[in-house]
Amino acid sequence: MTEVVEAQATEQMDHLTLEGETAADYLEELLDIADLDGDIDTYVEAGRPHVSILTSGDKLVGANGEVLEALQDLSRLAVLTKIGRHSRLMLDVSGHREKRRKELQEIVAAAVVEVKNSGEALSMEAMNPFERKIVHDAVAAAGLTSESEGEGDKRHVVISPVTD
């Protein structure tokens, strides 16, 4: 039985590795077309393929991460087209996502204190799905509740006190 489980885990890891490599190949072609320099690294973490581009400047991040999000969507589409499987691939450029994660955790810490002190719900700024997930996780860890509201570019998180 354990051999079957190990074989399934190996097969899953192989699929995730293939997704990352497929996205990396696609992104390398884009960098060549755009005449941009960058080193690309792939790895699998927490059951997701990750691709990281190390480059100077923030052209591949864009204002508020819009270019990064678009590149991630295009990379996922390239994976779907090439291997016929939807991907939960995460793309990062020069550590932007990790920096943003730390910023959001600081913002949420202050928001949690405000909600606990006031006892009233607090609406956060509009965020992309990656950012909203970070906020939801941090709010839950602080013992409060959160919910996403709004549509499209206006989707945001509302942090609420726990009601008995």
C-alpha atoms as a PDB file:
ATOM      1  CA  MET A   1       0.000   0.000   0.000  1.00  0.00           C
ATOM      2  CA  THR A   2       2.757   2.498   0.864  1.00  0.00           C
ATOM      3  CA  GLU A   3       4.373   1.825  -2.506  1.00  0.00           C
ATOM      4  CA  VAL A   4       1.169   2.976  -4.225  1.00  0.00           C
ATOM      5  CA  VAL A   5       1.032   6.131  -2.113  1.00  0.00           C
ATOM      6  CA  GLU A   6       4.710   6.843  -2.803  1.00  0.00           C
ATOM      7  CA  ALA A   7       4.166   6.296  -6.539  1.00  0.00           C
ATOM      8  CA  GLN A   8       1.202   8.695  -6.504  1.00  0.00           C
ATOM      9  CA  ALA A   9       3.204  11.307  -4.609  1.00  0.00           C
ATOM     10  CA  THR A  10       6.081  10.968  -7.076  1.00  0.00           C
ATOM     11  CA  GLU A  11       3.684  11.278 -10.022  1.00  0.00           C
ATOM     12  CA  GLN A  12       2.099  14.387  -8.478  1.00  0.00           C
ATOM     13  CA  MET A  13       5.540  15.941  -7.904  1.00  0.00           C
ATOM     14  CA  ASP A  14       6.481  15.138 -11.519  1.00  0.00           C
ATOM     15  CA  HIS A  15       3.316  16.904 -12.766  1.00  0.00           C
ATOM     16  CA  LEU A  16       4.017  19.968 -10.621  1.00  0.00           C
ATOM     17  CA  THR A  17       7.639  20.057 -11.766  1.00  0.00           C
ATOM     18  CA  LEU A  18       6.487  19.826 -15.391  1.00  0.00           C
ATOM     19  CA  GLU A  19       4.063  22.717 -14.848  1.00  0.00           C
ATOM     20  CA  GLY A  20       6.870  24.877 -13.434  1.00  0.00           C
ATOM     21  CA  GLU A  21       9.263  23.981 -16.238  1.00  0.00           C
ATOM     22  CA  THR A  22       6.601  24.642 -18.886  1.00  0.00           C
ATOM     23  CA  ALA A  23       5.877  28.068 -17.409  1.00  0.00           C
ATOM     24  CA  ALA A  24       9.602  28.812 -17.126  1.00  0.00           C
ATOM     25  CA  ASP A  25      10.124  27.979 -20.819  1.00  0.00           C
ATOM     26  CA  TYR A  26       7.234  30.255 -21.759  1.00  0.00           C
ATOM     27  CA  LEU A  27       8.531  33.099 -19.603  1.00  0.00           C
ATOM     28  CA  GLU A  28      12.051  32.709 -20.959  1.00  0.00           C
ATOM     29  CA  GLU A  29      10.672  33.178 -24.476  1.00  0.00           C
ATOM     30  CA  LEU A  30       8.785  36.291 -23.345  1.00  0.00           C
ATOM     31  CA  LEU A  31      11.920  37.739 -21.767  1.00  0.00           C
ATOM     32  CA  ASP A  32      13.819  37.120 -25.002  1.00  0.00           C
ATOM     33  CA  ILE A  33      11.101  38.784 -27.085  1.00  0.00           C
ATOM     34  CA  ALA A  34      11.025  41.780 -24.731  1.00  0.00           C
ATOM     35  CA  ASP A  35      14.846  41.869 -24.674  1.00  0.00           C
ATOM     36  CA  LEU A  36      14.870  41.722 -20.852  1.00  0.00           C
ATOM     37  CA  ASP A  37      17.459  39.950 -18.734  1.00  0.00           C
ATOM     38  CA  GLY A  38      16.437  37.635 -15.952  1.00  0.00           C
ATOM     39  CA  ASP A  39      17.322  34.367 -14.279  1.00  0.00           C
ATOM     40  CA  ILE A  40      14.478  31.902 -13.878  1.00  0.00           C
ATOM     41  CA  ASP A  41      14.210  29.356 -11.084  1.00  0.00           C
ATOM     42  CA  THR A  42      11.515  26.733 -10.553  1.00  0.00           C
ATOM     43  CA  TYR A  43      10.584  24.748  -7.461  1.00  0.00           C
ATOM     44  CA  VAL A  44       7.614  23.033  -5.855  1.00  0.00           C
ATOM     45  CA  GLU A  45       6.372  24.175  -2.465  1.00  0.00           C
ATOM     46  CA  ALA A  46       3.186  23.366  -0.539  1.00  0.00           C
ATOM     47  CA  GLY A  47       1.779  21.403  -3.457  1.00  0.00           C
ATOM     48  CA  ARG A  48       2.203  24.241  -5.964  1.00  0.00           C
ATOM     49  CA  PRO A  49       4.686  24.895  -8.722  1.00  0.00           C
ATOM     50  CA  HIS A  50       6.596  28.144  -8.266  1.00  0.00           C
ATOM     51  CA  VAL A  51       8.553  30.148 -10.810  1.00  0.00           C
ATOM     52  CA  SER A  52      10.799  32.978  -9.734  1.00  0.00           C
ATOM     53  CA  ILE A  53      12.350  35.534 -12.065  1.00  0.00           C
ATOM     54  CA  LEU A  54      15.349  37.431 -10.756  1.00  0.00           C
ATOM     55  CA  THR A  55      15.785  40.655 -12.672  1.00  0.00           C
ATOM     56  CA  SER A  56      16.669  44.281 -12.100  1.00  0.00           C
ATOM     57  CA  GLY A  57      14.015  46.968 -12.168  1.00  0.00           C
ATOM     58  CA  ASP A  58      10.308  46.518 -11.743  1.00  0.00           C
ATOM     59  CA  LYS A  59       9.061  46.347 -15.343  1.00  0.00           C
ATOM     60  CA  LEU A  60       7.908  42.763 -14.753  1.00  0.00           C
ATOM     61  CA  VAL A  61       6.062  43.726 -11.563  1.00  0.00           C
ATOM     62  CA  GLY A  62       4.311  46.901 -12.711  1.00  0.00           C
ATOM     63  CA  ALA A  63       2.289  49.282 -10.617  1.00  0.00           C
ATOM     64  CA  ASN A  64       0.633  47.381  -7.756  1.00  0.00           C
ATOM     65  CA  GLY A  65       1.790  44.084  -9.261  1.00  0.00           C
ATOM     66  CA  GLU A  66      -0.482  44.215 -12.325  1.00  0.00           C
ATOM     67  CA  VAL A  67       2.217  43.052 -14.748  1.00  0.00           C
ATOM     68  CA  LEU A  68       3.209  40.252 -12.381  1.00  0.00           C
ATOM     69  CA  GLU A  69      -0.416  39.085 -12.137  1.00  0.00           C
ATOM     70  CA  ALA A  70      -0.808  39.212 -15.930  1.00  0.00           C
ATOM     71  CA  LEU A  71       2.394  37.222 -16.434  1.00  0.00           C
ATOM     72  CA  GLN A  72       1.190  34.661 -13.917  1.00  0.00           C
ATOM     73  CA  ASP A  73      -2.130  34.321 -15.762  1.00  0.00           C
ATOM     74  CA  LEU A  74      -0.343  33.981 -19.110  1.00  0.00           C
ATOM     75  CA  SER A  75       2.003  31.372 -17.640  1.00  0.00           C
ATOM     76  CA  ARG A  76      -0.933  29.365 -16.308  1.00  0.00           C
ATOM     77  CA  LEU A  77      -2.553  29.567 -19.742  1.00  0.00           C
ATOM     78  CA  ALA A  78       0.680  28.359 -21.359  1.00  0.00           C
ATOM     79  CA  VAL A  79       0.709  25.374 -18.989  1.00  0.00           C
ATOM     80  CA  LEU A  80      -2.924  24.581 -19.787  1.00  0.00           C
ATOM     81  CA  THR A  81      -2.252  24.818 -23.522  1.00  0.00           C
ATOM     82  CA  LYS A  82       0.915  22.714 -23.423  1.00  0.00           C
ATOM     83  CA  ILE A  83       0.002  19.953 -20.961  1.00  0.00           C
ATOM     84  CA  GLY A  84      -3.796  20.204 -20.838  1.00  0.00           C
ATOM     85  CA  ARG A  85      -4.008  20.765 -17.102  1.00  0.00           C
ATOM     86  CA  HIS A  86      -5.043  23.815 -15.070  1.00  0.00           C
ATOM     87  CA  SER A  87      -2.226  25.033 -12.875  1.00  0.00           C
ATOM     88  CA  ARG A  88      -2.095  26.787  -9.510  1.00  0.00           C
ATOM     89  CA  LEU A  89       1.344  28.091 -10.449  1.00  0.00           C
ATOM     90  CA  MET A  90       2.725  30.986  -8.424  1.00  0.00           C
ATOM     91  CA  LEU A  91       5.006  33.480 -10.128  1.00  0.00           C
ATOM     92  CA  ASP A  92       7.287  35.891  -8.318  1.00  0.00           C
ATOM     93  CA  VAL A  93       9.595  38.556  -9.679  1.00  0.00           C
ATOM     94  CA  SER A  94      12.638  39.606  -7.654  1.00  0.00           C
ATOM     95  CA  GLY A  95      10.975  38.735  -4.339  1.00  0.00           C
ATOM     96  CA  HIS A  96       8.019  41.095  -4.881  1.00  0.00           C
ATOM     97  CA  ARG A  97       5.449  38.690  -3.426  1.00  0.00           C
ATOM     98  CA  GLU A  98       7.464  38.042  -0.268  1.00  0.00           C
ATOM     99  CA  LYS A  99       7.961  41.782   0.277  1.00  0.00           C
ATOM    100  CA  ARG A 100       4.239  42.338  -0.250  1.00  0.00           C
ATOM    101  CA  ARG A 101       3.396  39.486   2.153  1.00  0.00           C
ATOM    102  CA  LYS A 102       5.428  41.186   4.898  1.00  0.00           C
ATOM    103  CA  GLU A 103       3.837  44.587   4.183  1.00  0.00           C
ATOM    104  CA  LEU A 104       0.347  43.098   4.339  1.00  0.00           C
ATOM    105  CA  GLN A 105       1.061  41.270   7.578  1.00  0.00           C
ATOM    106  CA  GLU A 106       2.083  44.585   9.162  1.00  0.00           C
ATOM    107  CA  ILE A 107      -1.025  46.321   7.795  1.00  0.00           C
ATOM    108  CA  VAL A 108      -3.264  43.501   9.040  1.00  0.00           C
ATOM    109  CA  ALA A 109      -1.663  43.587  12.504  1.00  0.00           C
ATOM    110  CA  ALA A 110      -2.587  47.257  12.822  1.00  0.00           C
ATOM    111  CA  ALA A 111      -6.076  46.631  11.403  1.00  0.00           C
ATOM    112  CA  VAL A 112      -6.666  43.786  13.877  1.00  0.00           C
ATOM    113  CA  VAL A 113      -5.791  46.082  16.789  1.00  0.00           C
ATOM    114  CA  GLU A 114      -8.174  48.723  15.427  1.00  0.00           C
ATOM    115  CA  VAL A 115     -11.034  46.225  15.013  1.00  0.00           C
ATOM    116  CA  LYS A 116     -10.478  44.764  18.487  1.00  0.00           C
ATOM    117  CA  ASN A 117     -10.415  48.235  20.046  1.00  0.00           C
ATOM    118  CA  SER A 118     -13.404  49.633  18.160  1.00  0.00           C
ATOM    119  CA  GLY A 119     -15.475  46.460  17.943  1.00  0.00           C
ATOM    120  CA  GLU A 120     -16.435  47.518  14.407  1.00  0.00           C
ATOM    121  CA  ALA A 121     -15.720  45.984  11.013  1.00  0.00           C
ATOM    122  CA  LEU A 122     -12.950  47.483   8.899  1.00  0.00           C
ATOM    123  CA  SER A 123     -12.730  47.418   5.087  1.00  0.00           C
ATOM    124  CA  MET A 124      -9.282  46.974   3.573  1.00  0.00           C
ATOM    125  CA  GLU A 125      -8.119  48.354   0.216  1.00  0.00           C
ATOM    126  CA  ALA A 126      -8.877  46.401  -2.962  1.00  0.00           C
ATOM    127  CA  MET A 127      -6.488  43.476  -3.439  1.00  0.00           C
ATOM    128  CA  ASN A 128      -5.700  40.662  -5.824  1.00  0.00           C
ATOM    129  CA  PRO A 129      -6.435  37.040  -4.802  1.00  0.00           C
ATOM    130  CA  PHE A 130      -2.872  36.417  -3.557  1.00  0.00           C
ATOM    131  CA  GLU A 131      -3.047  39.434  -1.254  1.00  0.00           C
ATOM    132  CA  ARG A 132      -6.555  38.630  -0.002  1.00  0.00           C
ATOM    133  CA  LYS A 133      -5.424  35.112   0.956  1.00  0.00           C
ATOM    134  CA  ILE A 134      -2.578  36.551   3.028  1.00  0.00           C
ATOM    135  CA  VAL A 135      -5.013  38.900   4.790  1.00  0.00           C
ATOM    136  CA  HIS A 136      -7.570  36.137   5.471  1.00  0.00           C
ATOM    137  CA  ASP A 137      -4.856  33.890   6.945  1.00  0.00           C
ATOM    138  CA  ALA A 138      -3.442  36.650   9.161  1.00  0.00           C
ATOM    139  CA  VAL A 139      -6.900  37.690  10.381  1.00  0.00           C
ATOM    140  CA  ALA A 140      -7.816  34.089  11.232  1.00  0.00           C
ATOM    141  CA  ALA A 141      -4.523  33.673  13.108  1.00  0.00           C
ATOM    142  CA  ALA A 142      -5.418  36.778  15.142  1.00  0.00           C
ATOM    143  CA  GLY A 143      -8.781  35.274  16.116  1.00  0.00           C
ATOM    144  CA  LEU A 144     -11.022  37.567  14.059  1.00  0.00           C
ATOM    145  CA  THR A 145     -13.132  36.869  10.990  1.00  0.00           C
ATOM    146  CA  SER A 146     -12.803  38.180   7.468  1.00  0.00           C
ATOM    147  CA  GLU A 147     -14.753  38.067   4.259  1.00  0.00           C
ATOM    148  CA  SER A 148     -14.072  39.147   0.690  1.00  0.00           C
ATOM    149  CA  GLU A 149     -16.560  41.604  -0.754  1.00  0.00           C
ATOM    150  CA  GLY A 150     -16.938  43.450  -4.036  1.00  0.00           C
ATOM    151  CA  GLU A 151     -16.346  42.457  -7.630  1.00  0.00           C
ATOM    152  CA  GLY A 152     -13.364  42.502  -9.968  1.00  0.00           C
ATOM    153  CA  ASP A 153     -10.807  45.234  -9.272  1.00  0.00           C
ATOM    154  CA  LYS A 154     -12.846  46.445  -6.292  1.00  0.00           C
ATOM    155  CA  ARG A 155     -12.732  43.082  -4.425  1.00  0.00           C
ATOM    156  CA  HIS A 156     -11.465  43.671  -0.904  1.00  0.00           C
ATOM    157  CA  VAL A 157     -11.399  42.126   2.553  1.00  0.00           C
ATOM    158  CA  VAL A 158     -13.596  43.197   5.445  1.00  0.00           C
ATOM    159  CA  ILE A 159     -12.212  42.343   8.895  1.00  0.00           C
ATOM    160  CA  SER A 160     -14.832  41.843  11.589  1.00  0.00           C
ATOM    161  CA  PRO A 161     -14.747  41.189  15.299  1.00  0.00           C
ATOM    162  CA  VAL A 162     -15.915  37.784  16.461  1.00  0.00           C
ATOM    163  CA  THR A 163     -19.533  37.930  17.594  1.00  0.00           C
ATOM    164  CA  ASP A 164     -20.908  35.447  20.085  1.00  0.00           C
END
